[in-house]
């Protein structure tokens, strides 16, 4: 009886270990894929800041740029599979909880579910682009935002719905930026495995990159709120138009340069997360 129980316990531990290895691999692949996208979007935004406006500074533009590289098809499939891994990791957090003392809380599971849905959509769009080379990669983020806003505004209480969604995006952007500045990501990193110099470099990318990412989210949310107030869906902006709006400020293109550089740094930070994050 004891032998049977021990054997069963061993099988359970083996399954948990296998599941943990798969989840960890999926998480690290997904974080690396996220880093590639932010690097490309940031690079495209830098080109816009310096006068090259031929490409969209969003996911579609990033995929188009990647497709033009040697072995572009292979890179696109690898990126899509990596993002599918990110979705798988978030699903595991919904089902089994995430790292940390409150990883099994309802709040954390709900947040993981939202991230799972988001990365399912992103992975699907990237894999669709890879399968139909030359496609739209899900279409322009600006057109997607305007179409979704127009559809929402036609619903009952549509203005309130769009306004609430915009405010939620503004709050999310602020939350992302503040957490980055406060270095809350330290709780998720294996800091003991880093040298002091590496930790300083990770902090530069984490703080600057997270602040820039949060700012972009917040500004996009402000445009959504304006679209709701004015009942004009064209006022909603996707990632590309949001980034271009930074060049229209009194600081001119230099604000866009700083934001774009921040997105590049966030891409580098994502690679650091892929290497040292606790999963």
Protein backbone atom coordinates (compact mmCIF):
# COMPACT_ATOMS: atom_id res chain seq x y z
CA UNK A 1 0.00 0.00 0.00
CA UNK A 2 2.76 2.42 0.93
CA UNK A 3 4.70 1.44 -2.18
CA UNK A 4 1.68 2.15 -4.37
CA UNK A 5 1.10 5.51 -2.69
CA UNK A 6 4.75 6.45 -3.12
CA UNK A 7 4.64 5.49 -6.80
CA UNK A 8 1.52 7.55 -7.34
CA UNK A 9 3.08 10.51 -5.54
CA UNK A 10 6.16 10.16 -7.73
CA UNK A 11 4.06 10.25 -10.88
CA UNK A 12 2.22 13.36 -9.67
CA UNK A 13 5.51 15.12 -8.92
CA UNK A 14 6.85 14.12 -12.32
CA UNK A 15 3.78 15.52 -14.08
CA UNK A 16 4.08 18.77 -12.10
CA UNK A 17 7.76 19.04 -13.01
CA UNK A 18 7.01 18.42 -16.69
CA UNK A 19 4.19 20.96 -16.64
CA UNK A 20 6.47 23.46 -14.92
CA UNK A 21 9.21 22.97 -17.53
CA UNK A 22 6.78 23.45 -20.41
CA UNK A 23 5.25 26.54 -18.80
CA UNK A 24 8.65 28.06 -18.07
CA UNK A 25 9.83 27.49 -21.63
CA UNK A 26 6.63 29.01 -23.01
CA UNK A 27 6.93 32.04 -20.72
CA UNK A 28 10.54 32.76 -21.65
CA UNK A 29 9.84 32.34 -25.37
CA UNK A 30 6.86 34.67 -25.06
CA UNK A 31 8.80 37.36 -23.21
CA UNK A 32 11.55 37.21 -25.85
CA UNK A 33 8.94 37.52 -28.63
CA UNK A 34 7.44 40.54 -26.87
CA UNK A 35 10.91 42.04 -26.76
CA UNK A 36 11.32 41.65 -30.52
CA UNK A 37 8.04 43.47 -31.20
CA UNK A 38 8.88 46.40 -28.90
CA UNK A 39 12.36 46.69 -30.41
CA UNK A 40 10.89 46.87 -33.91
CA UNK A 41 8.09 49.29 -32.97
CA UNK A 42 10.58 51.54 -31.19
CA UNK A 43 12.94 51.47 -34.17
CA UNK A 44 10.08 52.35 -36.54
CA UNK A 45 9.04 55.22 -34.26
CA UNK A 46 12.61 56.52 -34.34
CA UNK A 47 12.50 56.49 -38.13
CA UNK A 48 9.27 58.51 -38.02
CA UNK A 49 10.87 61.01 -35.63
CA UNK A 50 13.72 61.57 -38.07
CA UNK A 51 11.46 62.06 -41.07
CA UNK A 52 10.84 58.57 -42.48
CA UNK A 53 7.06 58.10 -42.40
CA UNK A 54 6.78 55.17 -44.79
CA UNK A 55 6.00 52.50 -42.19
CA UNK A 56 3.41 52.08 -39.45
CA UNK A 57 4.92 52.16 -35.96
CA UNK A 58 2.73 49.37 -34.63
CA UNK A 59 2.54 45.59 -34.66
CA UNK A 60 1.62 45.45 -38.35
CA UNK A 61 4.56 47.65 -39.28
CA UNK A 62 6.88 45.57 -37.11
CA UNK A 63 5.76 42.37 -38.83
CA UNK A 64 6.17 43.91 -42.27
CA UNK A 65 9.71 45.01 -41.37
CA UNK A 66 10.53 41.55 -40.05
CA UNK A 67 9.16 39.88 -43.19
CA UNK A 68 11.62 41.85 -45.32
CA UNK A 69 14.62 40.41 -43.49
CA UNK A 70 16.57 37.31 -44.59
CA UNK A 71 14.69 34.22 -43.42
CA UNK A 72 11.74 36.52 -42.71
CA UNK A 73 9.20 33.71 -42.93
CA UNK A 74 11.08 31.65 -40.34
CA UNK A 75 11.37 34.67 -38.05
CA UNK A 76 7.64 35.39 -38.32
CA UNK A 77 6.69 31.82 -37.46
CA UNK A 78 9.13 31.82 -34.53
CA UNK A 79 7.65 35.10 -33.28
CA UNK A 80 4.08 33.80 -33.54
CA UNK A 81 4.95 30.57 -31.75
CA UNK A 82 6.71 32.55 -29.02
CA UNK A 83 3.61 34.71 -28.51
CA UNK A 84 1.47 31.57 -28.41
CA UNK A 85 3.79 30.44 -25.63
CA UNK A 86 3.06 33.68 -23.79
CA UNK A 87 -0.67 32.92 -24.06
CA UNK A 88 -0.07 29.38 -22.77
CA UNK A 89 1.84 30.76 -19.79
CA UNK A 90 -0.96 33.18 -18.91
CA UNK A 91 -3.49 30.37 -19.20
CA UNK A 92 -1.44 28.32 -16.74
CA UNK A 93 -1.60 31.27 -14.33
CA UNK A 94 -5.39 31.28 -14.65
CA UNK A 95 -5.58 27.55 -13.93
CA UNK A 96 -2.81 27.07 -11.37
CA UNK A 97 -1.94 30.55 -10.10
CA UNK A 98 1.20 32.65 -10.57
CA UNK A 99 4.34 33.16 -8.52
CA UNK A 100 4.14 35.26 -5.39
CA UNK A 101 2.23 35.10 -2.11
CA UNK A 102 -1.08 36.15 -3.69
CA UNK A 103 -0.57 34.32 -6.97
CA UNK A 104 -3.74 32.25 -6.51
CA UNK A 105 -5.98 35.20 -5.68
CA UNK A 106 -9.05 35.95 -7.79
CA UNK A 107 -7.57 39.31 -8.81
CA UNK A 108 -4.38 37.75 -10.15
CA UNK A 109 -6.30 35.03 -11.99
CA UNK A 110 -8.62 37.61 -13.58
CA UNK A 111 -5.63 39.69 -14.70
CA UNK A 112 -4.01 36.57 -16.12
CA UNK A 113 -7.22 35.75 -18.00
CA UNK A 114 -7.25 39.21 -19.61
CA UNK A 115 -3.60 38.81 -20.62
CA UNK A 116 -4.33 35.33 -21.98
CA UNK A 117 -7.11 36.69 -24.21
CA UNK A 118 -4.87 39.53 -25.41
CA UNK A 119 -1.96 37.27 -26.33
CA UNK A 120 -4.25 34.76 -28.05
CA UNK A 121 -5.35 37.61 -30.33
CA UNK A 122 -1.79 38.86 -30.89
CA UNK A 123 -0.40 35.36 -31.56
CA UNK A 124 -3.25 34.66 -33.97
CA UNK A 125 -2.61 37.89 -35.90
CA UNK A 126 1.12 37.17 -36.15
CA UNK A 127 0.63 33.56 -37.24
CA UNK A 128 -1.99 34.69 -39.78
CA UNK A 129 0.50 37.20 -41.17
CA UNK A 130 3.14 34.46 -41.38
CA UNK A 131 0.74 32.13 -43.19
CA UNK A 132 -0.33 34.83 -45.67
CA UNK A 133 2.90 36.69 -46.34
CA UNK A 134 2.12 40.24 -47.37
CA UNK A 135 -1.11 40.38 -45.41
CA UNK A 136 -2.00 43.10 -42.98
CA UNK A 137 -0.90 41.46 -39.73
CA UNK A 138 -4.29 42.28 -38.28
CA UNK A 139 -4.52 45.67 -40.02
CA UNK A 140 -3.44 49.14 -38.98
CA UNK A 141 -3.78 49.70 -35.25
CA UNK A 142 -5.26 53.13 -35.99
CA UNK A 143 -8.01 51.72 -38.22
CA UNK A 144 -8.70 48.92 -35.73
CA UNK A 145 -9.08 51.44 -32.90
CA UNK A 146 -11.38 53.69 -34.93
CA UNK A 147 -13.54 50.80 -36.13
CA UNK A 148 -13.87 49.37 -32.62
CA UNK A 149 -14.70 52.82 -31.23
CA UNK A 150 -17.32 53.46 -33.92
CA UNK A 151 -18.93 50.08 -33.20
CA UNK A 152 -18.94 50.74 -29.45
CA UNK A 153 -20.40 54.23 -29.85
CA UNK A 154 -23.40 52.76 -31.70
CA UNK A 155 -24.25 50.54 -28.73
CA UNK A 156 -26.64 51.62 -25.96
CA UNK A 157 -24.74 53.92 -23.59
CA UNK A 158 -21.89 53.70 -26.10
CA UNK A 159 -20.33 57.02 -25.11
CA UNK A 160 -20.16 55.93 -21.48
CA UNK A 161 -18.71 52.58 -22.52
CA UNK A 162 -15.96 54.11 -24.67
CA UNK A 163 -15.25 56.76 -22.05
CA UNK A 164 -14.94 54.16 -19.30
CA UNK A 165 -12.65 52.03 -21.48
CA UNK A 166 -10.49 55.08 -22.22
CA UNK A 167 -10.24 55.95 -18.53
CA UNK A 168 -9.31 52.34 -17.77
CA UNK A 169 -6.50 52.54 -20.33
CA UNK A 170 -5.28 55.81 -18.82
CA UNK A 171 -5.25 54.23 -15.35
CA UNK A 172 -3.49 51.14 -16.71
CA UNK A 173 -0.84 53.33 -18.32
CA UNK A 174 -0.28 55.21 -15.09
CA UNK A 175 -0.11 51.92 -13.17
CA UNK A 176 2.46 50.53 -15.62
CA UNK A 177 4.60 53.65 -15.45
CA UNK A 178 4.49 54.06 -11.66
CA UNK A 179 5.30 50.40 -11.04
CA UNK A 180 8.25 50.69 -13.42
CA UNK A 181 9.61 53.81 -11.69
CA UNK A 182 9.20 52.13 -8.29
CA UNK A 183 10.97 49.03 -9.68
CA UNK A 184 8.19 46.69 -8.65
CA UNK A 185 9.50 44.24 -11.25
CA UNK A 186 12.26 43.38 -8.74
CA UNK A 187 9.73 41.11 -7.04
CA UNK A 188 9.61 38.93 -10.17
CA UNK A 189 13.31 38.78 -10.99
CA UNK A 190 16.06 36.47 -9.75
CA UNK A 191 18.22 39.36 -8.65
CA UNK A 192 20.67 37.09 -6.87
CA UNK A 193 21.77 35.67 -10.23
CA UNK A 194 22.75 39.12 -11.56
CA UNK A 195 26.00 40.96 -11.06
CA UNK A 196 25.70 44.55 -9.71
CA UNK A 197 26.49 45.94 -13.17
CA UNK A 198 23.84 43.75 -14.83
CA UNK A 199 21.29 44.80 -12.23
CA UNK A 200 21.99 48.47 -12.94
CA UNK A 201 21.55 47.90 -16.68
CA UNK A 202 18.31 46.02 -16.12
CA UNK A 203 17.05 48.88 -13.95
CA UNK A 204 17.82 51.41 -16.69
CA UNK A 205 15.84 49.41 -19.23
CA UNK A 206 13.06 48.53 -16.78
CA UNK A 207 12.47 52.05 -15.46
CA UNK A 208 12.88 53.99 -18.71
CA UNK A 209 11.18 51.34 -20.83
CA UNK A 210 8.28 50.82 -18.46
CA UNK A 211 7.72 54.58 -18.07
CA UNK A 212 7.64 55.06 -21.85
CA UNK A 213 5.26 52.14 -22.29
CA UNK A 214 2.97 53.47 -19.59
CA UNK A 215 2.98 56.95 -21.16
CA UNK A 216 1.95 55.55 -24.55
CA UNK A 217 -0.91 53.60 -22.95
CA UNK A 218 -2.10 56.67 -21.02
CA UNK A 219 -2.07 58.96 -24.07
CA UNK A 220 -3.96 56.37 -26.15
CA UNK A 221 -6.55 56.27 -23.37
CA UNK A 222 -6.89 60.06 -23.43
CA UNK A 223 -7.65 59.93 -27.16
CA UNK A 224 -10.34 57.30 -26.50
CA UNK A 225 -11.93 59.54 -23.86
CA UNK A 226 -11.92 62.45 -26.32
CA UNK A 227 -13.57 60.24 -28.94
CA UNK A 228 -16.32 59.41 -26.45
CA UNK A 229 -16.89 63.02 -25.36
CA UNK A 230 -16.99 64.37 -28.93
CA UNK A 231 -18.79 61.29 -30.31
CA UNK A 232 -16.16 61.08 -33.06
CA UNK A 233 -14.58 57.64 -33.51
CA UNK A 234 -11.81 59.11 -35.68
CA UNK A 235 -10.40 60.78 -32.58
CA UNK A 236 -9.45 57.35 -31.24
CA UNK A 237 -5.88 56.47 -32.07
CA UNK A 238 -3.96 53.24 -32.33
CA UNK A 239 -0.30 52.81 -31.47
CA UNK A 240 1.00 54.40 -34.67
CA UNK A 241 -1.04 57.62 -34.44
CA UNK A 242 -0.47 57.81 -30.69
CA UNK A 243 3.28 57.75 -31.23
CA UNK A 244 3.07 60.29 -34.05
CA UNK A 245 1.10 62.62 -31.76
CA UNK A 246 4.20 63.04 -29.58
CA UNK A 247 5.90 64.79 -32.51
CA UNK A 248 3.07 67.38 -32.58
CA UNK A 249 3.83 68.68 -29.07
CA UNK A 250 5.85 71.89 -28.41
CA UNK A 251 8.91 69.67 -27.96
CA UNK A 252 8.57 68.58 -31.58
CA UNK A 253 10.04 65.27 -32.72
CA UNK A 254 12.38 65.05 -29.73
CA UNK A 255 9.63 63.85 -27.41
CA UNK A 256 8.89 61.09 -29.91
CA UNK A 257 12.60 60.26 -29.98
CA UNK A 258 12.66 59.81 -26.20
CA UNK A 259 9.46 57.73 -26.18
CA UNK A 260 10.66 55.58 -29.07
CA UNK A 261 14.00 55.03 -27.34
CA UNK A 262 12.05 54.03 -24.24
CA UNK A 263 10.14 51.41 -26.22
CA UNK A 264 13.42 50.04 -27.54
CA UNK A 265 14.68 49.83 -23.95
CA UNK A 266 11.49 48.01 -22.96
CA UNK A 267 12.25 45.49 -25.68
CA UNK A 268 15.68 44.96 -24.14
CA UNK A 269 14.06 44.70 -20.70
CA UNK A 270 11.75 41.98 -22.04
CA UNK A 271 14.84 39.97 -22.98
CA UNK A 272 16.13 40.43 -19.43
CA UNK A 273 12.78 39.21 -18.13
CA UNK A 274 13.02 36.19 -20.41
CA UNK A 275 16.39 35.39 -18.83
CA UNK A 276 15.82 36.16 -15.15
CA UNK A 277 12.08 36.25 -14.43
CA UNK A 278 10.73 33.84 -11.85
CA UNK A 279 8.03 31.73 -13.52
